[in-house]
PDB file of N, CA and C in Angstrom:
ATOM      1  N   UNK A   1     100.927  79.552 110.988  1.00  0.00           N
ATOM      2  CA  UNK A   1     101.977  80.532 111.150  1.00  0.00           C
ATOM      3  C   UNK A   1     102.375  80.648 112.615  1.00  0.00           C
ATOM      4  N   UNK A   2     101.402  80.525 113.493  1.00  0.00           N
ATOM      5  CA  UNK A   2     101.690  80.612 114.926  1.00  0.00           C
ATOM      6  C   UNK A   2     102.611  79.485 115.373  1.00  0.00           C
ATOM      7  N   UNK A   3     102.418  78.301 114.812  1.00  0.00           N
ATOM      8  CA  UNK A   3     103.285  77.167 115.148  1.00  0.00           C
ATOM      9  C   UNK A   3     104.730  77.454 114.762  1.00  0.00           C
ATOM     10  N   UNK A   4     104.921  77.974 113.563  1.00  0.00           N
ATOM     11  CA  UNK A   4     106.279  78.299 113.123  1.00  0.00           C
ATOM     12  C   UNK A   4     106.881  79.370 114.034  1.00  0.00           C
ATOM     13  N   UNK A   5     106.102  80.398 114.339  1.00  0.00           N
ATOM     14  CA  UNK A   5     106.598  81.456 115.219  1.00  0.00           C
ATOM     15  C   UNK A   5     107.030  80.881 116.567  1.00  0.00           C
ATOM     16  N   UNK A   6     106.204  80.051 117.163  1.00  0.00           N
ATOM     17  CA  UNK A   6     106.525  79.479 118.473  1.00  0.00           C
ATOM     18  C   UNK A   6     107.785  78.617 118.433  1.00  0.00           C
ATOM     19  N   UNK A   7     108.028  77.972 117.316  1.00  0.00           N
ATOM     20  CA  UNK A   7     109.199  77.103 117.194  1.00  0.00           C
ATOM     21  C   UNK A   7     110.473  77.909 116.942  1.00  0.00           C
ATOM     22  N   UNK A   8     110.418  78.905 116.051  1.00  0.00           N
ATOM     23  CA  UNK A   8     111.648  79.618 115.675  1.00  0.00           C
ATOM     24  C   UNK A   8     111.984  80.788 116.585  1.00  0.00           C
ATOM     25  N   UNK A   9     111.003  81.364 117.238  1.00  0.00           N
ATOM     26  CA  UNK A   9     111.254  82.555 118.053  1.00  0.00           C
ATOM     27  C   UNK A   9     112.381  82.377 119.077  1.00  0.00           C
ATOM     28  N   UNK A  10     112.473  81.249 119.776  1.00  0.00           N
ATOM     29  CA  UNK A  10     113.569  81.100 120.753  1.00  0.00           C
ATOM     30  C   UNK A  10     114.975  81.123 120.153  1.00  0.00           C
ATOM     31  N   UNK A  11     115.107  80.902 118.859  1.00  0.00           N
ATOM     32  CA  UNK A  11     116.426  80.890 118.236  1.00  0.00           C
ATOM     33  C   UNK A  11     116.977  82.287 117.965  1.00  0.00           C
ATOM     34  N   UNK A  12     116.107  83.277 117.992  1.00  0.00           N
ATOM     35  CA  UNK A  12     116.545  84.640 117.716  1.00  0.00           C
ATOM     36  C   UNK A  12     116.873  85.337 119.029  1.00  0.00           C
ATOM     37  N   UNK A  13     118.107  85.836 119.116  1.00  0.00           N
ATOM     38  CA  UNK A  13     118.552  86.510 120.335  1.00  0.00           C
ATOM     39  C   UNK A  13     117.910  87.894 120.432  1.00  0.00           C
ATOM     40  N   UNK A  14     118.224  88.585 121.499  1.00  0.00           N
ATOM     41  CA  UNK A  14     117.639  89.900 121.738  1.00  0.00           C
ATOM     42  C   UNK A  14     118.075  90.940 120.713  1.00  0.00           C
ATOM     43  N   UNK A  15     119.145  90.679 119.982  1.00  0.00           N
ATOM     44  CA  UNK A  15     119.571  91.657 118.988  1.00  0.00           C
ATOM     45  C   UNK A  15     118.693  91.635 117.735  1.00  0.00           C
ATOM     46  N   UNK A  16     117.761  90.687 117.671  1.00  0.00           N
ATOM     47  CA  UNK A  16     116.812  90.605 116.564  1.00  0.00           C
ATOM     48  C   UNK A  16     115.450  91.107 117.016  1.00  0.00           C
ATOM     49  N   UNK A  17     114.841  91.969 116.233  1.00  0.00           N
ATOM     50  CA  UNK A  17     113.514  92.499 116.546  1.00  0.00           C
ATOM     51  C   UNK A  17     112.479  91.787 115.678  1.00  0.00           C
ATOM     52  N   UNK A  18     111.429  91.273 116.318  1.00  0.00           N
ATOM     53  CA  UNK A  18     110.351  90.593 115.600  1.00  0.00           C
ATOM     54  C   UNK A  18     109.424  91.626 114.973  1.00  0.00           C
ATOM     55  N   UNK A  19     108.989  91.357 113.740  1.00  0.00           N
ATOM     56  CA  UNK A  19     107.950  92.184 113.120  1.00  0.00           C
ATOM     57  C   UNK A  19     107.121  91.299 112.204  1.00  0.00           C
ATOM     58  N   UNK A  20     105.831  91.499 112.257  1.00  0.00           N
ATOM     59  CA  UNK A  20     104.929  90.742 111.386  1.00  0.00           C
ATOM     60  C   UNK A  20     104.640  91.608 110.177  1.00  0.00           C
ATOM     61  N   UNK A  21     104.936  91.095 108.989  1.00  0.00           N
ATOM     62  CA  UNK A  21     104.754  91.886 107.782  1.00  0.00           C
ATOM     63  C   UNK A  21     103.389  91.695 107.141  1.00  0.00           C
ATOM     64  N   UNK A  22     102.893  90.488 107.172  1.00  0.00           N
ATOM     65  CA  UNK A  22     101.610  90.182 106.539  1.00  0.00           C
ATOM     66  C   UNK A  22     101.013  88.967 107.229  1.00  0.00           C
ATOM     67  N   UNK A  23      99.845  88.554 106.799  1.00  0.00           N
ATOM     68  CA  UNK A  23      99.160  87.437 107.437  1.00  0.00           C
ATOM     69  C   UNK A  23     100.000  86.162 107.463  1.00  0.00           C
ATOM     70  N   UNK A  24     100.701  85.882 106.386  1.00  0.00           N
ATOM     71  CA  UNK A  24     101.486  84.647 106.297  1.00  0.00           C
ATOM     72  C   UNK A  24     102.989  84.889 106.358  1.00  0.00           C
ATOM     73  N   UNK A  25     103.405  86.071 106.787  1.00  0.00           N
ATOM     74  CA  UNK A  25     104.820  86.422 106.781  1.00  0.00           C
ATOM     75  C   UNK A  25     105.239  87.044 108.103  1.00  0.00           C
ATOM     76  N   UNK A  26     106.357  86.566 108.638  1.00  0.00           N
ATOM     77  CA  UNK A  26     106.967  87.186 109.808  1.00  0.00           C
ATOM     78  C   UNK A  26     108.429  87.462 109.482  1.00  0.00           C
ATOM     79  N   UNK A  27     109.003  88.406 110.203  1.00  0.00           N
ATOM     80  CA  UNK A  27     110.413  88.686 109.967  1.00  0.00           C
ATOM     81  C   UNK A  27     111.097  89.043 111.280  1.00  0.00           C
ATOM     82  N   UNK A  28     112.385  88.926 111.248  1.00  0.00           N
ATOM     83  CA  UNK A  28     113.245  89.327 112.352  1.00  0.00           C
ATOM     84  C   UNK A  28     114.316  90.229 111.754  1.00  0.00           C
ATOM     85  N   UNK A  29     114.514  91.388 112.374  1.00  0.00           N
ATOM     86  CA  UNK A  29     115.500  92.343 111.870  1.00  0.00           C
ATOM     87  C   UNK A  29     116.522  92.664 112.945  1.00  0.00           C
ATOM     88  N   UNK A  30     117.752  92.869 112.490  1.00  0.00           N
ATOM     89  CA  UNK A  30     118.747  93.471 113.365  1.00  0.00           C
ATOM     90  C   UNK A  30     119.143  94.788 112.705  1.00  0.00           C
ATOM     91  N   UNK A  31     120.269  95.334 113.023  1.00  0.00           N
ATOM     92  CA  UNK A  31     120.636  96.643 112.477  1.00  0.00           C
ATOM     93  C   UNK A  31     120.800  96.643 110.967  1.00  0.00           C
ATOM     94  N   UNK A  32     121.280  95.557 110.407  1.00  0.00           N
ATOM     95  CA  UNK A  32     121.579  95.554 108.967  1.00  0.00           C
ATOM     96  C   UNK A  32     120.909  94.441 108.175  1.00  0.00           C
ATOM     97  N   UNK A  33     120.389  93.421 108.826  1.00  0.00           N
ATOM     98  CA  UNK A  33     119.885  92.250 108.104  1.00  0.00           C
ATOM     99  C   UNK A  33     118.463  91.899 108.510  1.00  0.00           C
ATOM    100  N   UNK A  34     117.858  91.031 107.701  1.00  0.00           N
ATOM    101  CA  UNK A  34     116.477  90.634 107.949  1.00  0.00           C
ATOM    102  C   UNK A  34     116.278  89.183 107.530  1.00  0.00           C
ATOM    103  N   UNK A  35     115.689  88.390 108.410  1.00  0.00           N
ATOM    104  CA  UNK A  35     115.240  87.031 108.103  1.00  0.00           C
ATOM    105  C   UNK A  35     113.731  87.107 107.908  1.00  0.00           C
ATOM    106  N   UNK A  36     113.224  86.550 106.814  1.00  0.00           N
ATOM    107  CA  UNK A  36     111.791  86.572 106.529  1.00  0.00           C
ATOM    108  C   UNK A  36     111.316  85.138 106.356  1.00  0.00           C
ATOM    109  N   UNK A  37     110.223  84.800 107.038  1.00  0.00           N
ATOM    110  CA  UNK A  37     109.628  83.470 106.943  1.00  0.00           C
ATOM    111  C   UNK A  37     108.198  83.643 106.437  1.00  0.00           C
ATOM    112  N   UNK A  38     107.891  82.966 105.327  1.00  0.00           N
ATOM    113  CA  UNK A  38     106.570  83.078 104.715  1.00  0.00           C
ATOM    114  C   UNK A  38     105.967  81.696 104.542  1.00  0.00           C
ATOM    115  N   UNK A  39     104.754  81.536 105.003  1.00  0.00           N
ATOM    116  CA  UNK A  39     104.000  80.298 104.755  1.00  0.00           C
ATOM    117  C   UNK A  39     103.345  80.426 103.389  1.00  0.00           C
ATOM    118  N   UNK A  40     103.463  79.396 102.583  1.00  0.00           N
ATOM    119  CA  UNK A  40     102.845  79.366 101.268  1.00  0.00           C
ATOM    120  C   UNK A  40     101.639  78.440 101.338  1.00  0.00           C
ATOM    121  N   UNK A  41     100.451  78.995 101.591  1.00  0.00           N
ATOM    122  CA  UNK A  41      99.272  78.152 101.848  1.00  0.00           C
ATOM    123  C   UNK A  41      98.898  77.218 100.699  1.00  0.00           C
ATOM    124  N   UNK A  42      99.120  77.629  99.478  1.00  0.00           N
ATOM    125  CA  UNK A  42      98.717  76.785  98.342  1.00  0.00           C
ATOM    126  C   UNK A  42      99.567  75.529  98.226  1.00  0.00           C
ATOM    127  N   UNK A  43     100.842  75.636  98.579  1.00  0.00           N
ATOM    128  CA  UNK A  43     101.748  74.493  98.430  1.00  0.00           C
ATOM    129  C   UNK A  43     102.121  73.854  99.766  1.00  0.00           C
ATOM    130  N   UNK A  44     101.851  74.554 100.860  1.00  0.00           N
ATOM    131  CA  UNK A  44     102.245  74.049 102.170  1.00  0.00           C
ATOM    132  C   UNK A  44     103.723  74.253 102.450  1.00  0.00           C
ATOM    133  N   UNK A  45     104.369  75.039 101.614  1.00  0.00           N
ATOM    134  CA  UNK A  45     105.789  75.286 101.783  1.00  0.00           C
ATOM    135  C   UNK A  45     106.084  76.401 102.773  1.00  0.00           C
ATOM    136  N   UNK A  46     107.322  76.434 103.190  1.00  0.00           N
ATOM    137  CA  UNK A  46     107.826  77.485 104.080  1.00  0.00           C
ATOM    138  C   UNK A  46     108.977  78.140 103.339  1.00  0.00           C
ATOM    139  N   UNK A  47     108.781  79.397 102.962  1.00  0.00           N
ATOM    140  CA  UNK A  47     109.816  80.131 102.236  1.00  0.00           C
ATOM    141  C   UNK A  47     110.618  80.953 103.238  1.00  0.00           C
ATOM    142  N   UNK A  48     111.929  80.780 103.200  1.00  0.00           N
ATOM    143  CA  UNK A  48     112.806  81.499 104.118  1.00  0.00           C
ATOM    144  C   UNK A  48     113.744  82.364 103.294  1.00  0.00           C
ATOM    145  N   UNK A  49     113.756  83.647 103.617  1.00  0.00           N
ATOM    146  CA  UNK A  49     114.651  84.596 102.971  1.00  0.00           C
ATOM    147  C   UNK A  49     115.695  84.994 103.994  1.00  0.00           C
ATOM    148  N   UNK A  50     116.948  84.813 103.629  1.00  0.00           N
ATOM    149  CA  UNK A  50     118.040  85.115 104.555  1.00  0.00           C
ATOM    150  C   UNK A  50     119.038  86.069 103.901  1.00  0.00           C
ATOM    151  N   UNK A  51     119.725  86.847 104.722  1.00  0.00           N
ATOM    152  CA  UNK A  51     120.782  87.690 104.171  1.00  0.00           C
ATOM    153  C   UNK A  51     122.080  86.899 104.081  1.00  0.00           C
ATOM    154  N   UNK A  52     122.712  86.938 102.935  1.00  0.00           N
ATOM    155  CA  UNK A  52     124.036  86.335 102.763  1.00  0.00           C
ATOM    156  C   UNK A  52     124.954  87.440 102.264  1.00  0.00           C
ATOM    157  N   UNK A  53     125.667  88.039 103.197  1.00  0.00           N
ATOM    158  CA  UNK A  53     126.515  89.199 102.902  1.00  0.00           C
ATOM    159  C   UNK A  53     125.646  90.277 102.299  1.00  0.00           C
ATOM    160  N   UNK A  54     125.828  90.616 101.047  1.00  0.00           N
ATOM    161  CA  UNK A  54     125.056  91.693 100.433  1.00  0.00           C
ATOM    162  C   UNK A  54     123.935  91.166  99.536  1.00  0.00           C
ATOM    163  N   UNK A  55     123.695  89.870  99.586  1.00  0.00           N
ATOM    164  CA  UNK A  55     122.688  89.239  98.739  1.00  0.00           C
ATOM    165  C   UNK A  55     121.580  88.673  99.614  1.00  0.00           C
ATOM    166  N   UNK A  56     120.355  88.791  99.148  1.00  0.00           N
ATOM    167  CA  UNK A  56     119.217  88.171  99.838  1.00  0.00           C
ATOM    168  C   UNK A  56     118.922  86.866  99.125  1.00  0.00           C
ATOM    169  N   UNK A  57     118.836  85.780  99.883  1.00  0.00           N
ATOM    170  CA  UNK A  57     118.708  84.445  99.317  1.00  0.00           C
ATOM    171  C   UNK A  57     117.427  83.785  99.809  1.00  0.00           C
ATOM    172  N   UNK A  58     116.615  83.249  98.874  1.00  0.00           N
ATOM    173  CA  UNK A  58     115.359  82.570  99.226  1.00  0.00           C
ATOM    174  C   UNK A  58     115.483  81.078  98.991  1.00  0.00           C
ATOM    175  N   UNK A  59     114.849  80.340  99.900  1.00  0.00           N
ATOM    176  CA  UNK A  59     114.794  78.895  99.761  1.00  0.00           C
ATOM    177  C   UNK A  59     113.439  78.434 100.283  1.00  0.00           C
ATOM    178  N   UNK A  60     112.861  77.431  99.661  1.00  0.00           N
ATOM    179  CA  UNK A  60     111.554  76.919 100.074  1.00  0.00           C
ATOM    180  C   UNK A  60     111.707  75.503 100.611  1.00  0.00           C
ATOM    181  N   UNK A  61     111.052  75.255 101.740  1.00  0.00           N
ATOM    182  CA  UNK A  61     111.101  73.948 102.402  1.00  0.00           C
ATOM    183  C   UNK A  61     109.686  73.419 102.564  1.00  0.00           C
ATOM    184  N   UNK A  62     109.567  72.108 102.568  1.00  0.00           N
ATOM    185  CA  UNK A  62     108.268  71.471 102.765  1.00  0.00           C
ATOM    186  C   UNK A  62     108.251  70.638 104.039  1.00  0.00           C
ATOM    187  N   UNK A  63     109.307  70.735 104.792  1.00  0.00           N
ATOM    188  CA  UNK A  63     109.421  70.043 106.068  1.00  0.00           C
ATOM    189  C   UNK A  63     109.846  71.072 107.113  1.00  0.00           C
ATOM    190  N   UNK A  64     109.062  71.216 108.175  1.00  0.00           N
ATOM    191  CA  UNK A  64     109.334  72.225 109.195  1.00  0.00           C
ATOM    192  C   UNK A  64     110.681  72.010 109.856  1.00  0.00           C
ATOM    193  N   UNK A  65     111.034  70.772 110.149  1.00  0.00           N
ATOM    194  CA  UNK A  65     112.317  70.503 110.803  1.00  0.00           C
ATOM    195  C   UNK A  65     113.503  70.920 109.934  1.00  0.00           C
ATOM    196  N   UNK A  66     113.410  70.668 108.646  1.00  0.00           N
ATOM    197  CA  UNK A  66     114.476  71.067 107.732  1.00  0.00           C
ATOM    198  C   UNK A  66     114.581  72.586 107.673  1.00  0.00           C
ATOM    199  N   UNK A  67     113.451  73.269 107.641  1.00  0.00           N
ATOM    200  CA  UNK A  67     113.445  74.732 107.617  1.00  0.00           C
ATOM    201  C   UNK A  67     114.076  75.303 108.885  1.00  0.00           C
ATOM    202  N   UNK A  68     113.773  74.711 110.013  1.00  0.00           N
ATOM    203  CA  UNK A  68     114.333  75.181 111.295  1.00  0.00           C
ATOM    204  C   UNK A  68     115.839  74.968 111.326  1.00  0.00           C
ATOM    205  N   UNK A  69     116.310  73.825 110.894  1.00  0.00           N
ATOM    206  CA  UNK A  69     117.754  73.560 110.872  1.00  0.00           C
ATOM    207  C   UNK A  69     118.476  74.539 109.949  1.00  0.00           C
ATOM    208  N   UNK A  70     117.861  74.855 108.837  1.00  0.00           N
ATOM    209  CA  UNK A  70     118.432  75.819 107.888  1.00  0.00           C
ATOM    210  C   UNK A  70     118.577  77.197 108.544  1.00  0.00           C
ATOM    211  N   UNK A  71     117.533  77.638 109.236  1.00  0.00           N
ATOM    212  CA  UNK A  71     117.594  78.940 109.909  1.00  0.00           C
ATOM    213  C   UNK A  71     118.627  78.930 111.026  1.00  0.00           C
ATOM    214  N   UNK A  72     118.664  77.872 111.807  1.00  0.00           N
ATOM    215  CA  UNK A  72     119.645  77.782 112.897  1.00  0.00           C
ATOM    216  C   UNK A  72     121.069  77.846 112.352  1.00  0.00           C
ATOM    217  N   UNK A  73     121.299  77.175 111.228  1.00  0.00           N
ATOM    218  CA  UNK A  73     122.619  77.180 110.619  1.00  0.00           C
ATOM    219  C   UNK A  73     123.038  78.617 110.268  1.00  0.00           C
ATOM    220  N   UNK A  74     122.124  79.374 109.677  1.00  0.00           N
ATOM    221  CA  UNK A  74     122.466  80.745 109.294  1.00  0.00           C
ATOM    222  C   UNK A  74     122.518  81.684 110.501  1.00  0.00           C
ATOM    223  N   UNK A  75     121.732  81.439 111.500  1.00  0.00           N
ATOM    224  CA  UNK A  75     121.795  82.269 112.709  1.00  0.00           C
ATOM    225  C   UNK A  75     123.108  82.052 113.471  1.00  0.00           C
ATOM    226  N   UNK A  76     123.693  80.868 113.361  1.00  0.00           N
ATOM    227  CA  UNK A  76     124.979  80.606 113.996  1.00  0.00           C
ATOM    228  C   UNK A  76     126.060  81.546 113.487  1.00  0.00           C
ATOM    229  N   UNK A  77     125.950  81.973 112.250  1.00  0.00           N
ATOM    230  CA  UNK A  77     126.896  82.932 111.688  1.00  0.00           C
ATOM    231  C   UNK A  77     126.918  84.217 112.529  1.00  0.00           C
ATOM    232  N   UNK A  78     125.735  84.668 112.927  1.00  0.00           N
ATOM    233  CA  UNK A  78     125.644  85.909 113.714  1.00  0.00           C
ATOM    234  C   UNK A  78     126.156  85.709 115.132  1.00  0.00           C
ATOM    235  N   UNK A  79     125.958  84.528 115.673  1.00  0.00           N
ATOM    236  CA  UNK A  79     126.448  84.257 117.018  1.00  0.00           C
ATOM    237  C   UNK A  79     127.969  84.201 117.065  1.00  0.00           C
ATOM    238  N   UNK A  80     128.591  83.829 115.953  1.00  0.00           N
ATOM    239  CA  UNK A  80     130.042  83.744 115.898  1.00  0.00           C
ATOM    240  C   UNK A  80     130.699  85.098 115.700  1.00  0.00           C
ATOM    241  N   UNK A  81     129.947  86.051 115.176  1.00  0.00           N
ATOM    242  CA  UNK A  81     130.516  87.388 114.900  1.00  0.00           C
ATOM    243  C   UNK A  81     130.101  88.395 115.926  1.00  0.00           C
TER     244      UNK A  81
END
């Protein structure tokens, strides 16, 4: 989990507040939205929950690079607005 945190933390600007929810879960919150990253120890997957307008959307990745690109893509939405 520490590896994932060290890799993704620089992508979140100061408007996002880091919070650790559980042993295998971290999240970043702003005023209205929340990104949640959960390590799935049994499968080795990385579950990412993102806000899409008024819907919360989950996706599971088994490759760290793919998971990071997915998060960066969605974080770009916030940088544009």
